[in-house]
Protein backbone atom coordinates (compact mmCIF):
# COMPACT_ATOMS: atom_id res chain seq x y z
CA MET A 1 -17.98 90.03 -185.57
CA SER A 2 -17.38 93.74 -185.12
CA LYS A 3 -18.68 95.89 -182.28
CA GLU A 4 -18.97 99.08 -184.38
CA THR A 5 -21.92 101.28 -183.48
CA THR A 6 -21.50 104.28 -185.80
CA GLN A 7 -22.67 104.31 -189.40
CA LYS A 8 -19.18 105.18 -190.61
CA GLY A 9 -17.65 102.36 -188.57
CA LYS A 10 -20.18 99.85 -189.86
CA LEU A 11 -19.53 100.90 -193.45
CA GLY A 12 -15.79 100.49 -192.88
CA ASP A 13 -16.29 96.96 -191.55
CA LEU A 14 -18.51 96.05 -194.50
CA GLN A 15 -15.96 97.52 -196.92
CA ARG A 16 -13.19 95.40 -195.35
CA LEU A 17 -15.39 92.30 -195.61
CA LEU A 18 -16.02 92.97 -199.31
CA SER A 19 -12.30 93.41 -200.01
CA SER A 20 -11.54 90.13 -198.17
CA LEU A 21 -14.26 88.33 -200.12
CA SER A 22 -12.94 89.72 -203.40
CA ALA A 23 -9.36 88.71 -202.57
CA ASN A 24 -10.49 85.14 -201.86
CA SER A 25 -13.06 84.82 -204.65
CA ALA A 26 -11.33 81.72 -206.08
CA ASP A 27 -11.86 79.82 -202.83
CA LEU A 28 -15.40 81.16 -202.38
CA ALA A 29 -16.77 80.70 -205.89
CA HIS A 30 -20.06 79.31 -204.54
CA LEU A 31 -20.68 82.71 -202.80
CA GLU A 32 -20.02 84.80 -205.92
CA PRO A 33 -23.66 85.73 -206.72
CA THR A 34 -24.24 86.74 -203.10
CA ARG A 35 -20.94 88.67 -202.99
CA ALA A 36 -21.94 90.57 -206.16
CA ARG A 37 -25.30 91.52 -204.64
CA PHE A 38 -23.50 92.53 -201.41
CA ALA A 39 -21.15 94.76 -203.43
CA GLU A 40 -24.14 96.49 -205.10
CA LEU A 41 -25.88 97.11 -201.77
CA LEU A 42 -22.65 98.36 -200.20
CA ALA A 43 -22.18 100.80 -203.10
CA GLN A 44 -25.72 102.11 -202.51
CA ALA A 45 -25.00 102.50 -198.80
CA GLN A 46 -21.75 104.35 -199.53
CA GLU A 47 -23.57 106.68 -201.95
CA ALA A 48 -26.23 107.40 -199.33
CA ALA A 49 -23.52 108.17 -196.76
CA ASP A 50 -21.87 110.54 -199.24
CA ARG A 51 -25.19 112.30 -199.88
CA GLN A 52 -25.71 112.57 -196.13
CA GLY A 53 -22.31 114.21 -195.77
CA VAL A 54 -23.16 116.73 -198.48
CA HIS A 55 -26.45 117.55 -196.76
CA THR A 56 -24.71 117.90 -193.41
CA ALA A 57 -22.26 120.39 -194.90
CA ALA A 58 -25.10 122.26 -196.60
CA LYS A 59 -27.02 122.34 -193.32
CA GLN A 60 -24.02 123.80 -191.50
CA GLU A 61 -23.62 126.46 -194.19
CA ALA A 62 -27.33 127.28 -193.99
CA THR A 63 -27.07 127.56 -190.19
CA LEU A 64 -24.20 130.04 -190.48
CA ALA A 65 -26.11 132.05 -193.09
CA LEU A 66 -29.20 132.06 -190.85
CA LYS A 67 -27.22 133.28 -187.82
CA SER A 68 -25.63 136.04 -189.88
CA ALA A 69 -28.97 137.13 -191.37
CA ILE A 70 -30.65 137.21 -187.94
CA SER A 71 -27.79 139.24 -186.50
CA ASN A 72 -28.04 141.78 -189.33
CA CYS A 73 -31.84 141.94 -188.96
CA GLU A 74 -31.56 142.57 -185.21
CA ARG A 75 -29.14 145.46 -185.82
CA LEU A 76 -31.47 147.06 -188.36
CA ALA A 77 -34.48 146.45 -186.10
CA ASN A 78 -32.72 148.40 -183.32
CA VAL A 79 -32.14 151.31 -185.72
CA LEU A 80 -35.80 151.19 -186.79
CA ARG A 81 -37.03 151.09 -183.18
CA LEU A 82 -34.96 154.16 -182.37
CA GLY A 83 -36.42 155.88 -185.46
CA VAL A 84 -39.96 155.05 -184.33
CA LYS A 85 -39.22 156.43 -180.85
CA GLN A 86 -37.77 159.60 -182.39
CA HIS A 87 -40.80 160.03 -184.66
CA TYR A 88 -43.59 159.42 -182.13
CA GLY A 89 -41.77 160.46 -178.95
CA ILE A 90 -40.80 158.33 -176.01
CA ARG A 91 -44.09 158.93 -174.14
CA SER A 92 -46.44 158.04 -177.02
CA GLU A 93 -48.72 155.07 -176.46
CA LYS A 94 -48.33 154.38 -180.19
CA LEU A 95 -44.97 152.79 -179.33
CA ALA A 96 -46.82 149.78 -177.87
CA GLU A 97 -47.97 148.94 -181.40
CA PHE A 98 -44.31 148.38 -182.32
CA GLY A 99 -43.57 146.28 -179.24
CA LEU A 100 -41.88 149.16 -177.43
CA GLN A 101 -42.52 150.34 -173.89
CA PRO A 102 -43.61 153.98 -173.68
CA PHE A 103 -41.91 156.04 -170.99
CA ARG A 104 -44.48 156.61 -168.24
CA GLY A 105 -42.27 158.26 -165.68
CA LEU A 106 -40.09 156.93 -162.93
CA LYS A 107 -41.59 154.99 -160.07
CA THR A 108 -41.45 156.94 -156.84
CA LYS A 109 -39.57 155.48 -153.95
CA PRO A 110 -41.46 155.07 -150.67
CA ASP A 111 -40.81 157.90 -148.21
CA ASP A 112 -37.97 157.28 -145.80
CA GLU A 113 -39.93 159.08 -143.04
CA GLU A 114 -42.72 156.54 -143.10
CA PRO A 115 -42.84 154.93 -139.66
CA GLU A 116 -41.87 151.33 -139.46
CA PRO A 117 -44.42 148.98 -137.95
CA THR A 118 -43.86 148.71 -134.24
CA ALA A 119 -43.73 145.47 -132.38
CA PRO A 120 -46.84 144.69 -130.32
CA PRO A 121 -46.50 145.50 -126.63
CA PRO A 122 -45.46 142.56 -124.51
CA VAL A 123 -48.30 140.62 -122.97
CA GLU A 124 -48.42 141.03 -119.19
CA THR A 125 -48.98 137.93 -117.17
CA LYS A 126 -50.55 138.27 -113.77
CA ALA A 127 -48.60 136.65 -111.02
CA PRO A 128 -50.68 134.96 -108.30
CA ALA A 129 -51.17 137.16 -105.33
CA PRO A 130 -48.91 136.34 -102.43
CA ALA A 131 -50.58 134.31 -99.77
CA ASP A 132 -51.73 136.32 -96.77
CA PRO A 133 -49.84 134.99 -93.74
CA THR A 134 -52.72 135.80 -91.46
CA HIS A 135 -55.05 133.33 -93.13
CA GLU A 136 -53.59 130.07 -92.42
């Protein structure tokens, strides 16, 4: 019994079993109808695996085409965004309609002369008055 876990490995094991059964068909004549059915099912499985491989290759090609198309679209979108900014101006609120941020001026920095918050004055504790030596 094989420990194969992949589809390709399992198909390989089944293919080897079929070839062994075919090579010993004289000794295993009583299994011939079952071996013939097994051969048909294995052929169907192999065909499905081949179709899967074709689809995998087609999927990879489609993925590359998609990446290329998106890259080209992003380049043209940047050109179009710049054209929209040039047409309406960088301060126009119309830019928001195209997903662009209108220029609304630079944020001002806080003044450096602004006083920093001062620490609260230390709390004074009253020491007990010294005892008067005359009152004993």
